[in-house]
Amino acid sequence: MTQAAKKGKAASPETELLHELGEVVRKRRLALDLSQEELAGRAGVHRTYLSDIERGARNITITVLARLADALEVKVSRLFRLTEQQGFEHPAKVRK
């Protein structure tokens, strides 16, 4: 559950995606029995940056996502599939 949902606020679809992706990264890191510091080192990012990613507080680049996926021993596509399974579903936009 995202922080916005916990506070009873509606999160934007983009914010929801970042929170869900962060949760997937955290769960995979824990499944590999890695600390934030260990994963950050493997991915070439700072530990506090990784913490922000896991909390959904960073809008990460595809480059960082690819490095994280490699460090987590999964493909980027797998991270997205896990994020979708986590509950994120972008609403269809109505075209005018």
Foldseek 3Di string as FASTA:
>chain_A
DAPCVVVVHDDALLLLLQQLLLCLLVVLCVVVVHDLCRLCVQLVHDSVVNVCSNNSNDPDDVSSLQSSCVSSVHGSVVSVVSSVVSPRDHDDDDDD
